[in-house]
């Protein structure tokens, strides 16, 4: 998956499930960044490098696997495939959004 494809998928999920996070979050990949702002309605998803209370760092490939249900987020974190900076409680709420 490319960054634009993943951004579109996150946008679609956020429009269907917005309001559950109530915070800002960045997804940092080698290929770029996805910024999710769920403090506004409708939820805003962009590729702008904007500050957020939580940043999730992982490869685009592993993010795609996680979105498809082929990679468990907790296992990814324990195996070092996913790193969280900032408010970990926000990262935990992401599961309810996706």
PDB file of N, CA and C in Angstrom:
ATOM      1  N   UNK A   1       0.837  -1.185   0.000  1.00  0.00           N
ATOM      2  CA  UNK A   1       0.000   0.000   0.000  1.00  0.00           C
ATOM      3  C   UNK A   1       0.881   1.248   0.000  1.00  0.00           C
ATOM      4  N   UNK A   2       0.411   2.265  -0.688  1.00  0.00           N
ATOM      5  CA  UNK A   2       1.133   3.535  -0.711  1.00  0.00           C
ATOM      6  C   UNK A   2       0.581   4.446   0.389  1.00  0.00           C
ATOM      7  N   UNK A   3       1.310   5.524   0.652  1.00  0.00           N
ATOM      8  CA  UNK A   3       0.877   6.474   1.668  1.00  0.00           C
ATOM      9  C   UNK A   3      -0.491   7.070   1.313  1.00  0.00           C
ATOM     10  N   UNK A   4      -0.707   7.370   0.054  1.00  0.00           N
ATOM     11  CA  UNK A   4      -1.996   7.957  -0.345  1.00  0.00           C
ATOM     12  C   UNK A   4      -3.139   6.957  -0.175  1.00  0.00           C
ATOM     13  N   UNK A   5      -2.891   5.680  -0.469  1.00  0.00           N
ATOM     14  CA  UNK A   5      -3.920   4.656  -0.280  1.00  0.00           C
ATOM     15  C   UNK A   5      -4.268   4.491   1.201  1.00  0.00           C
ATOM     16  N   UNK A   6      -3.245   4.489   2.044  1.00  0.00           N
ATOM     17  CA  UNK A   6      -3.470   4.344   3.480  1.00  0.00           C
ATOM     18  C   UNK A   6      -4.182   5.584   4.021  1.00  0.00           C
ATOM     19  N   UNK A   7      -3.810   6.763   3.528  1.00  0.00           N
ATOM     20  CA  UNK A   7      -4.466   7.996   3.957  1.00  0.00           C
ATOM     21  C   UNK A   7      -5.952   7.959   3.617  1.00  0.00           C
ATOM     22  N   UNK A   8      -6.281   7.502   2.409  1.00  0.00           N
ATOM     23  CA  UNK A   8      -7.685   7.382   2.002  1.00  0.00           C
ATOM     24  C   UNK A   8      -8.449   6.409   2.900  1.00  0.00           C
ATOM     25  N   UNK A   9      -7.810   5.286   3.227  1.00  0.00           N
ATOM     26  CA  UNK A   9      -8.456   4.285   4.077  1.00  0.00           C
ATOM     27  C   UNK A   9      -8.694   4.845   5.486  1.00  0.00           C
ATOM     28  N   UNK A  10      -7.705   5.550   6.034  1.00  0.00           N
ATOM     29  CA  UNK A  10      -7.851   6.158   7.358  1.00  0.00           C
ATOM     30  C   UNK A  10      -8.955   7.217   7.321  1.00  0.00           C
ATOM     31  N   UNK A  11      -9.006   8.005   6.233  1.00  0.00           N
ATOM     32  CA  UNK A  11     -10.047   9.021   6.084  1.00  0.00           C
ATOM     33  C   UNK A  11     -11.442   8.389   6.098  1.00  0.00           C
ATOM     34  N   UNK A  12     -11.593   7.287   5.380  1.00  0.00           N
ATOM     35  CA  UNK A  12     -12.883   6.598   5.312  1.00  0.00           C
ATOM     36  C   UNK A  12     -13.282   6.059   6.686  1.00  0.00           C
ATOM     37  N   UNK A  13     -12.337   5.421   7.372  1.00  0.00           N
ATOM     38  CA  UNK A  13     -12.626   4.886   8.704  1.00  0.00           C
ATOM     39  C   UNK A  13     -12.939   5.999   9.692  1.00  0.00           C
ATOM     40  N   UNK A  14     -12.209   7.107   9.599  1.00  0.00           N
ATOM     41  CA  UNK A  14     -12.430   8.228  10.512  1.00  0.00           C
ATOM     42  C   UNK A  14     -13.787   8.874  10.270  1.00  0.00           C
ATOM     43  N   UNK A  15     -14.216   8.943   9.019  1.00  0.00           N
ATOM     44  CA  UNK A  15     -15.522   9.544   8.733  1.00  0.00           C
ATOM     45  C   UNK A  15     -16.652   8.661   9.251  1.00  0.00           C
ATOM     46  N   UNK A  16     -16.437   7.352   9.283  1.00  0.00           N
ATOM     47  CA  UNK A  16     -17.457   6.429   9.786  1.00  0.00           C
ATOM     48  C   UNK A  16     -17.439   6.290  11.304  1.00  0.00           C
ATOM     49  N   UNK A  17     -16.261   6.444  11.912  1.00  0.00           N
ATOM     50  CA  UNK A  17     -16.105   6.169  13.343  1.00  0.00           C
ATOM     51  C   UNK A  17     -15.550   7.350  14.124  1.00  0.00           C
ATOM     52  N   UNK A  18     -15.616   8.552  13.586  1.00  0.00           N
ATOM     53  CA  UNK A  18     -15.063   9.724  14.245  1.00  0.00           C
ATOM     54  C   UNK A  18     -15.745  10.036  15.567  1.00  0.00           C
ATOM     55  N   UNK A  19     -15.060  10.813  16.395  1.00  0.00           N
ATOM     56  CA  UNK A  19     -15.593  11.217  17.684  1.00  0.00           C
ATOM     57  C   UNK A  19     -15.248  10.296  18.827  1.00  0.00           C
ATOM     58  N   UNK A  20     -14.649   9.165  18.554  1.00  0.00           N
ATOM     59  CA  UNK A  20     -14.311   8.201  19.611  1.00  0.00           C
ATOM     60  C   UNK A  20     -12.958   8.488  20.253  1.00  0.00           C
ATOM     61  N   UNK A  21     -12.084   9.151  19.515  1.00  0.00           N
ATOM     62  CA  UNK A  21     -10.731   9.395  19.997  1.00  0.00           C
ATOM     63  C   UNK A  21     -10.672  10.682  20.813  1.00  0.00           C
ATOM     64  N   UNK A  22     -11.240  11.744  20.290  1.00  0.00           N
ATOM     65  CA  UNK A  22     -11.261  13.020  20.998  1.00  0.00           C
ATOM     66  C   UNK A  22      -9.898  13.639  21.186  1.00  0.00           C
ATOM     67  N   UNK A  23      -8.957  13.321  20.305  1.00  0.00           N
ATOM     68  CA  UNK A  23      -7.586  13.819  20.426  1.00  0.00           C
ATOM     69  C   UNK A  23      -6.944  13.857  19.046  1.00  0.00           C
ATOM     70  N   UNK A  24      -5.687  14.279  19.021  1.00  0.00           N
ATOM     71  CA  UNK A  24      -4.925  14.284  17.774  1.00  0.00           C
ATOM     72  C   UNK A  24      -3.883  13.184  17.829  1.00  0.00           C
ATOM     73  N   UNK A  25      -3.593  12.606  16.669  1.00  0.00           N
ATOM     74  CA  UNK A  25      -2.626  11.517  16.598  1.00  0.00           C
ATOM     75  C   UNK A  25      -1.910  11.565  15.255  1.00  0.00           C
ATOM     76  N   UNK A  26      -0.631  11.291  15.269  1.00  0.00           N
ATOM     77  CA  UNK A  26       0.154  11.171  14.040  1.00  0.00           C
ATOM     78  C   UNK A  26       0.573   9.729  13.846  1.00  0.00           C
ATOM     79  N   UNK A  27       0.552   9.303  12.601  1.00  0.00           N
ATOM     80  CA  UNK A  27       1.097   8.004  12.215  1.00  0.00           C
ATOM     81  C   UNK A  27       2.326   8.300  11.380  1.00  0.00           C
ATOM     82  N   UNK A  28       3.504   7.974  11.903  1.00  0.00           N
ATOM     83  CA  UNK A  28       4.766   8.299  11.242  1.00  0.00           C
ATOM     84  C   UNK A  28       5.321   7.074  10.529  1.00  0.00           C
ATOM     85  N   UNK A  29       5.549   7.216   9.222  1.00  0.00           N
ATOM     86  CA  UNK A  29       6.129   6.163   8.397  1.00  0.00           C
ATOM     87  C   UNK A  29       7.382   6.710   7.732  1.00  0.00           C
ATOM     88  N   UNK A  30       8.227   5.839   7.187  1.00  0.00           N
ATOM     89  CA  UNK A  30       9.389   6.296   6.429  1.00  0.00           C
ATOM     90  C   UNK A  30       8.953   7.098   5.208  1.00  0.00           C
ATOM     91  N   UNK A  31       7.792   6.745   4.655  1.00  0.00           N
ATOM     92  CA  UNK A  31       7.291   7.374   3.431  1.00  0.00           C
ATOM     93  C   UNK A  31       6.579   8.702   3.684  1.00  0.00           C
ATOM     94  N   UNK A  32       6.246   9.007   4.926  1.00  0.00           N
ATOM     95  CA  UNK A  32       5.539  10.239   5.247  1.00  0.00           C
ATOM     96  C   UNK A  32       4.730  10.102   6.517  1.00  0.00           C
ATOM     97  N   UNK A  33       3.726  10.953   6.662  1.00  0.00           N
ATOM     98  CA  UNK A  33       2.982  11.051   7.908  1.00  0.00           C
ATOM     99  C   UNK A  33       1.489  11.201   7.622  1.00  0.00           C
ATOM    100  N   UNK A  34       0.684  10.637   8.497  1.00  0.00           N
ATOM    101  CA  UNK A  34      -0.763  10.861   8.466  1.00  0.00           C
ATOM    102  C   UNK A  34      -1.124  11.525   9.791  1.00  0.00           C
ATOM    103  N   UNK A  35      -1.792  12.665   9.706  1.00  0.00           N
ATOM    104  CA  UNK A  35      -2.247  13.389  10.894  1.00  0.00           C
ATOM    105  C   UNK A  35      -3.754  13.205  11.027  1.00  0.00           C
ATOM    106  N   UNK A  36      -4.200  12.781  12.196  1.00  0.00           N
ATOM    107  CA  UNK A  36      -5.610  12.544  12.477  1.00  0.00           C
ATOM    108  C   UNK A  36      -6.025  13.508  13.587  1.00  0.00           C
ATOM    109  N   UNK A  37      -7.002  14.367  13.305  1.00  0.00           N
ATOM    110  CA  UNK A  37      -7.501  15.318  14.295  1.00  0.00           C
ATOM    111  C   UNK A  37      -8.964  14.983  14.575  1.00  0.00           C
ATOM    112  N   UNK A  38      -9.192  14.317  15.698  1.00  0.00           N
ATOM    113  CA  UNK A  38     -10.538  13.909  16.081  1.00  0.00           C
ATOM    114  C   UNK A  38     -11.116  14.837  17.150  1.00  0.00           C
ATOM    115  N   UNK A  39     -10.519  16.038  17.301  1.00  0.00           N
ATOM    116  CA  UNK A  39     -11.051  17.019  18.243  1.00  0.00           C
ATOM    117  C   UNK A  39     -12.115  17.881  17.576  1.00  0.00           C
ATOM    118  N   UNK A  40     -12.252  17.754  16.256  1.00  0.00           N
ATOM    119  CA  UNK A  40     -13.240  18.517  15.495  1.00  0.00           C
ATOM    120  C   UNK A  40     -14.192  17.548  14.803  1.00  0.00           C
ATOM    121  N   UNK A  41     -15.328  18.080  14.393  1.00  0.00           N
ATOM    122  CA  UNK A  41     -16.276  17.250  13.667  1.00  0.00           C
ATOM    123  C   UNK A  41     -16.584  17.924  12.337  1.00  0.00           C
ATOM    124  N   UNK A  42     -16.396  17.250  11.222  1.00  0.00           N
ATOM    125  CA  UNK A  42     -15.933  15.860  11.087  1.00  0.00           C
ATOM    126  C   UNK A  42     -14.428  15.741  11.332  1.00  0.00           C
ATOM    127  N   UNK A  43     -14.001  14.537  11.608  1.00  0.00           N
ATOM    128  CA  UNK A  43     -12.589  14.251  11.846  1.00  0.00           C
ATOM    129  C   UNK A  43     -11.770  14.625  10.619  1.00  0.00           C
ATOM    130  N   UNK A  44     -10.642  15.293  10.857  1.00  0.00           N
ATOM    131  CA  UNK A  44      -9.768  15.741   9.768  1.00  0.00           C
ATOM    132  C   UNK A  44      -8.578  14.792   9.661  1.00  0.00           C
ATOM    133  N   UNK A  45      -8.331  14.298   8.442  1.00  0.00           N
ATOM    134  CA  UNK A  45      -7.181  13.447   8.163  1.00  0.00           C
ATOM    135  C   UNK A  45      -6.377  14.121   7.071  1.00  0.00           C
ATOM    136  N   UNK A  46      -5.070  14.291   7.311  1.00  0.00           N
ATOM    137  CA  UNK A  46      -4.214  14.946   6.324  1.00  0.00           C
ATOM    138  C   UNK A  46      -2.821  14.337   6.374  1.00  0.00           C
ATOM    139  N   UNK A  47      -1.973  14.803   5.479  1.00  0.00           N
ATOM    140  CA  UNK A  47      -0.572  14.386   5.481  1.00  0.00           C
ATOM    141  C   UNK A  47       0.323  15.515   5.975  1.00  0.00           C
ATOM    142  N   UNK A  48      -0.265  16.486   6.687  1.00  0.00           N
ATOM    143  CA  UNK A  48       0.481  17.620   7.229  1.00  0.00           C
ATOM    144  C   UNK A  48       1.232  17.205   8.487  1.00  0.00           C
ATOM    145  N   UNK A  49       2.436  17.710   8.631  1.00  0.00           N
ATOM    146  CA  UNK A  49       3.239  17.443   9.825  1.00  0.00           C
ATOM    147  C   UNK A  49       2.826  18.434  10.904  1.00  0.00           C
ATOM    148  N   UNK A  50       1.790  18.074  11.645  1.00  0.00           N
ATOM    149  CA  UNK A  50       1.225  18.913  12.693  1.00  0.00           C
ATOM    150  C   UNK A  50       1.439  18.225  14.031  1.00  0.00           C
ATOM    151  N   UNK A  51       1.620  19.003  15.083  1.00  0.00           N
ATOM    152  CA  UNK A  51       1.848  18.399  16.395  1.00  0.00           C
ATOM    153  C   UNK A  51       0.609  17.623  16.841  1.00  0.00           C
ATOM    154  N   UNK A  52       0.850  16.577  17.625  1.00  0.00           N
ATOM    155  CA  UNK A  52      -0.219  15.713  18.115  1.00  0.00           C
ATOM    156  C   UNK A  52       0.141  15.211  19.502  1.00  0.00           C
ATOM    157  N   UNK A  53      -0.867  14.793  20.260  1.00  0.00           N
ATOM    158  CA  UNK A  53      -0.606  14.302  21.615  1.00  0.00           C
ATOM    159  C   UNK A  53      -0.040  12.888  21.606  1.00  0.00           C
ATOM    160  N   UNK A  54      -0.172  12.203  20.478  1.00  0.00           N
ATOM    161  CA  UNK A  54       0.313  10.831  20.360  1.00  0.00           C
ATOM    162  C   UNK A  54       0.883  10.611  18.961  1.00  0.00           C
ATOM    163  N   UNK A  55       2.026   9.942  18.883  1.00  0.00           N
ATOM    164  CA  UNK A  55       2.616   9.587  17.591  1.00  0.00           C
ATOM    165  C   UNK A  55       2.878   8.090  17.565  1.00  0.00           C
ATOM    166  N   UNK A  56       2.355   7.435  16.541  1.00  0.00           N
ATOM    167  CA  UNK A  56       2.555   5.998  16.340  1.00  0.00           C
ATOM    168  C   UNK A  56       3.547   5.849  15.194  1.00  0.00           C
ATOM    169  N   UNK A  57       4.673   5.194  15.475  1.00  0.00           N
ATOM    170  CA  UNK A  57       5.710   5.003  14.458  1.00  0.00           C
ATOM    171  C   UNK A  57       5.780   3.531  14.080  1.00  0.00           C
ATOM    172  N   UNK A  58       5.692   3.273  12.773  1.00  0.00           N
ATOM    173  CA  UNK A  58       5.824   1.919  12.263  1.00  0.00           C
ATOM    174  C   UNK A  58       6.003   1.975  10.753  1.00  0.00           C
ATOM    175  N   UNK A  59       6.272   0.828  10.161  1.00  0.00           N
ATOM    176  CA  UNK A  59       6.413   0.796   8.701  1.00  0.00           C
ATOM    177  C   UNK A  59       5.026   0.828   8.067  1.00  0.00           C
ATOM    178  N   UNK A  60       4.975   1.345   6.858  1.00  0.00           N
ATOM    179  CA  UNK A  60       3.714   1.404   6.118  1.00  0.00           C
ATOM    180  C   UNK A  60       3.171   0.001   5.860  1.00  0.00           C
ATOM    181  N   UNK A  61       4.087  -0.933   5.614  1.00  0.00           N
ATOM    182  CA  UNK A  61       3.701  -2.330   5.382  1.00  0.00           C
ATOM    183  C   UNK A  61       3.004  -2.925   6.610  1.00  0.00           C
ATOM    184  N   UNK A  62       3.607  -2.714   7.798  1.00  0.00           N
ATOM    185  CA  UNK A  62       3.009  -3.246   9.029  1.00  0.00           C
ATOM    186  C   UNK A  62       1.697  -2.546   9.369  1.00  0.00           C
ATOM    187  N   UNK A  63       1.596  -1.247   9.054  1.00  0.00           N
ATOM    188  CA  UNK A  63       0.343  -0.534   9.286  1.00  0.00           C
ATOM    189  C   UNK A  63      -0.769  -1.129   8.418  1.00  0.00           C
ATOM    190  N   UNK A  64      -0.428  -1.437   7.168  1.00  0.00           N
ATOM    191  CA  UNK A  64      -1.400  -2.073   6.275  1.00  0.00           C
ATOM    192  C   UNK A  64      -1.846  -3.421   6.813  1.00  0.00           C
ATOM    193  N   UNK A  65      -0.898  -4.202   7.331  1.00  0.00           N
ATOM    194  CA  UNK A  65      -1.240  -5.502   7.920  1.00  0.00           C
ATOM    195  C   UNK A  65      -2.150  -5.325   9.134  1.00  0.00           C
ATOM    196  N   UNK A  66      -1.859  -4.318   9.940  1.00  0.00           N
ATOM    197  CA  UNK A  66      -2.656  -4.069  11.124  1.00  0.00           C
ATOM    198  C   UNK A  66      -4.080  -3.639  10.734  1.00  0.00           C
ATOM    199  N   UNK A  67      -4.205  -2.818   9.705  1.00  0.00           N
ATOM    200  CA  UNK A  67      -5.520  -2.359   9.251  1.00  0.00           C
ATOM    201  C   UNK A  67      -6.352  -3.517   8.681  1.00  0.00           C
ATOM    202  N   UNK A  68      -5.678  -4.517   8.106  1.00  0.00           N
ATOM    203  CA  UNK A  68      -6.369  -5.675   7.539  1.00  0.00           C
ATOM    204  C   UNK A  68      -6.653  -6.748   8.587  1.00  0.00           C
ATOM    205  N   UNK A  69      -6.126  -6.570   9.800  1.00  0.00           N
ATOM    206  CA  UNK A  69      -6.343  -7.550  10.852  1.00  0.00           C
ATOM    207  C   UNK A  69      -5.326  -8.674  10.858  1.00  0.00           C
ATOM    208  N   UNK A  70      -4.259  -8.525  10.056  1.00  0.00           N
ATOM    209  CA  UNK A  70      -3.233  -9.564   9.987  1.00  0.00           C
ATOM    210  C   UNK A  70      -2.110  -9.354  11.007  1.00  0.00           C
ATOM    211  N   UNK A  71      -2.134  -8.222  11.713  1.00  0.00           N
ATOM    212  CA  UNK A  71      -1.106  -7.934  12.712  1.00  0.00           C
ATOM    213  C   UNK A  71      -1.781  -7.339  13.936  1.00  0.00           C
ATOM    214  N   UNK A  72      -1.607  -7.996  15.078  1.00  0.00           N
ATOM    215  CA  UNK A  72      -2.170  -7.531  16.334  1.00  0.00           C
ATOM    216  C   UNK A  72      -1.336  -6.357  16.844  1.00  0.00           C
ATOM    217  N   UNK A  73      -1.961  -5.214  17.179  1.00  0.00           N
ATOM    218  CA  UNK A  73      -1.197  -4.047  17.643  1.00  0.00           C
ATOM    219  C   UNK A  73      -0.347  -4.318  18.882  1.00  0.00           C
ATOM    220  N   UNK A  74      -0.867  -5.079  19.836  1.00  0.00           N
ATOM    221  CA  UNK A  74      -0.089  -5.378  21.047  1.00  0.00           C
ATOM    222  C   UNK A  74       1.135  -6.231  20.719  1.00  0.00           C
ATOM    223  N   UNK A  75       0.959  -7.224  19.846  1.00  0.00           N
ATOM    224  CA  UNK A  75       2.094  -8.060  19.449  1.00  0.00           C
ATOM    225  C   UNK A  75       3.115  -7.230  18.674  1.00  0.00           C
ATOM    226  N   UNK A  76       2.627  -6.343  17.812  1.00  0.00           N
ATOM    227  CA  UNK A  76       3.530  -5.478  17.044  1.00  0.00           C
ATOM    228  C   UNK A  76       4.362  -4.610  17.978  1.00  0.00           C
ATOM    229  N   UNK A  77       3.733  -4.099  19.036  1.00  0.00           N
ATOM    230  CA  UNK A  77       4.462  -3.272  19.991  1.00  0.00           C
ATOM    231  C   UNK A  77       5.501  -4.092  20.756  1.00  0.00           C
ATOM    232  N   UNK A  78       5.109  -5.283  21.178  1.00  0.00           N
ATOM    233  CA  UNK A  78       6.041  -6.132  21.929  1.00  0.00           C
ATOM    234  C   UNK A  78       7.204  -6.613  21.061  1.00  0.00           C
ATOM    235  N   UNK A  79       6.955  -6.756  19.759  1.00  0.00           N
ATOM    236  CA  UNK A  79       8.014  -7.198  18.847  1.00  0.00           C
ATOM    237  C   UNK A  79       8.839  -6.027  18.303  1.00  0.00           C
ATOM    238  N   UNK A  80       8.500  -4.800  18.707  1.00  0.00           N
ATOM    239  CA  UNK A  80       9.250  -3.633  18.276  1.00  0.00           C
ATOM    240  C   UNK A  80       8.873  -3.132  16.891  1.00  0.00           C
ATOM    241  N   UNK A  81       7.766  -3.623  16.340  1.00  0.00           N
ATOM    242  CA  UNK A  81       7.327  -3.179  15.013  1.00  0.00           C
ATOM    243  C   UNK A  81       6.487  -1.917  15.104  1.00  0.00           C
ATOM    244  N   UNK A  82       6.081  -1.544  16.305  1.00  0.00           N
ATOM    245  CA  UNK A  82       5.252  -0.369  16.542  1.00  0.00           C
ATOM    246  C   UNK A  82       5.790   0.346  17.771  1.00  0.00           C
ATOM    247  N   UNK A  83       5.979   1.651  17.642  1.00  0.00           N
ATOM    248  CA  UNK A  83       6.454   2.454  18.771  1.00  0.00           C
ATOM    249  C   UNK A  83       5.470   3.593  18.984  1.00  0.00           C
ATOM    250  N   UNK A  84       5.203   3.900  20.262  1.00  0.00           N
ATOM    251  CA  UNK A  84       4.268   4.966  20.602  1.00  0.00           C
ATOM    252  C   UNK A  84       5.006   6.030  21.396  1.00  0.00           C
ATOM    253  N   UNK A  85       4.853   7.281  20.954  1.00  0.00           N
ATOM    254  CA  UNK A  85       5.404   8.417  21.683  1.00  0.00           C
ATOM    255  C   UNK A  85       4.242   9.291  22.119  1.00  0.00           C
ATOM    256  N   UNK A  86       4.303   9.802  23.332  1.00  0.00           N
ATOM    257  CA  UNK A  86       3.245  10.675  23.819  1.00  0.00           C
ATOM    258  C   UNK A  86       2.215   9.911  24.620  1.00  0.00           C
ATOM    259  N   UNK A  87       0.972  10.355  24.536  1.00  0.00           N
ATOM    260  CA  UNK A  87      -0.128   9.823  25.333  1.00  0.00           C
ATOM    261  C   UNK A  87      -0.536   8.422  24.866  1.00  0.00           C
ATOM    262  N   UNK A  88      -0.136   7.424  25.616  1.00  0.00           N
ATOM    263  CA  UNK A  88      -0.428   6.034  25.246  1.00  0.00           C
ATOM    264  C   UNK A  88      -1.919   5.705  25.385  1.00  0.00           C
ATOM    265  N   UNK A  89      -2.638   6.433  26.220  1.00  0.00           N
ATOM    266  CA  UNK A  89      -4.073   6.215  26.359  1.00  0.00           C
ATOM    267  C   UNK A  89      -4.790   6.547  25.048  1.00  0.00           C
ATOM    268  N   UNK A  90      -4.302   7.560  24.345  1.00  0.00           N
ATOM    269  CA  UNK A  90      -4.872   7.907  23.043  1.00  0.00           C
ATOM    270  C   UNK A  90      -4.626   6.774  22.054  1.00  0.00           C
ATOM    271  N   UNK A  91      -3.422   6.203  22.099  1.00  0.00           N
ATOM    272  CA  UNK A  91      -3.094   5.088  21.199  1.00  0.00           C
ATOM    273  C   UNK A  91      -4.009   3.893  21.463  1.00  0.00           C
ATOM    274  N   UNK A  92      -4.343   3.658  22.703  1.00  0.00           N
ATOM    275  CA  UNK A  92      -5.229   2.550  23.051  1.00  0.00           C
ATOM    276  C   UNK A  92      -6.642   2.776  22.501  1.00  0.00           C
ATOM    277  N   UNK A  93      -7.074   4.038  22.418  1.00  0.00           N
ATOM    278  CA  UNK A  93      -8.405   4.353  21.901  1.00  0.00           C
ATOM    279  C   UNK A  93      -8.487   4.178  20.388  1.00  0.00           C
ATOM    280  N   UNK A  94      -7.345   4.135  19.716  1.00  0.00           N
ATOM    281  CA  UNK A  94      -7.343   3.994  18.258  1.00  0.00           C
ATOM    282  C   UNK A  94      -8.025   2.701  17.806  1.00  0.00           C
ATOM    283  N   UNK A  95      -7.925   1.664  18.628  1.00  0.00           N
ATOM    284  CA  UNK A  95      -8.552   0.379  18.280  1.00  0.00           C
ATOM    285  C   UNK A  95     -10.056   0.531  18.098  1.00  0.00           C
ATOM    286  N   UNK A  96     -10.688   1.392  18.903  1.00  0.00           N
ATOM    287  CA  UNK A  96     -12.134   1.576  18.778  1.00  0.00           C
ATOM    288  C   UNK A  96     -12.496   2.341  17.515  1.00  0.00           C
ATOM    289  N   UNK A  97     -11.558   3.151  17.030  1.00  0.00           N
ATOM    290  CA  UNK A  97     -11.810   3.920  15.805  1.00  0.00           C
ATOM    291  C   UNK A  97     -11.607   3.062  14.572  1.00  0.00           C
ATOM    292  N   UNK A  98     -10.617   2.156  14.623  1.00  0.00           N
ATOM    293  CA  UNK A  98     -10.310   1.325  13.464  1.00  0.00           C
ATOM    294  C   UNK A  98     -10.858  -0.070  13.635  1.00  0.00           C
TER     295      UNK A  98
END
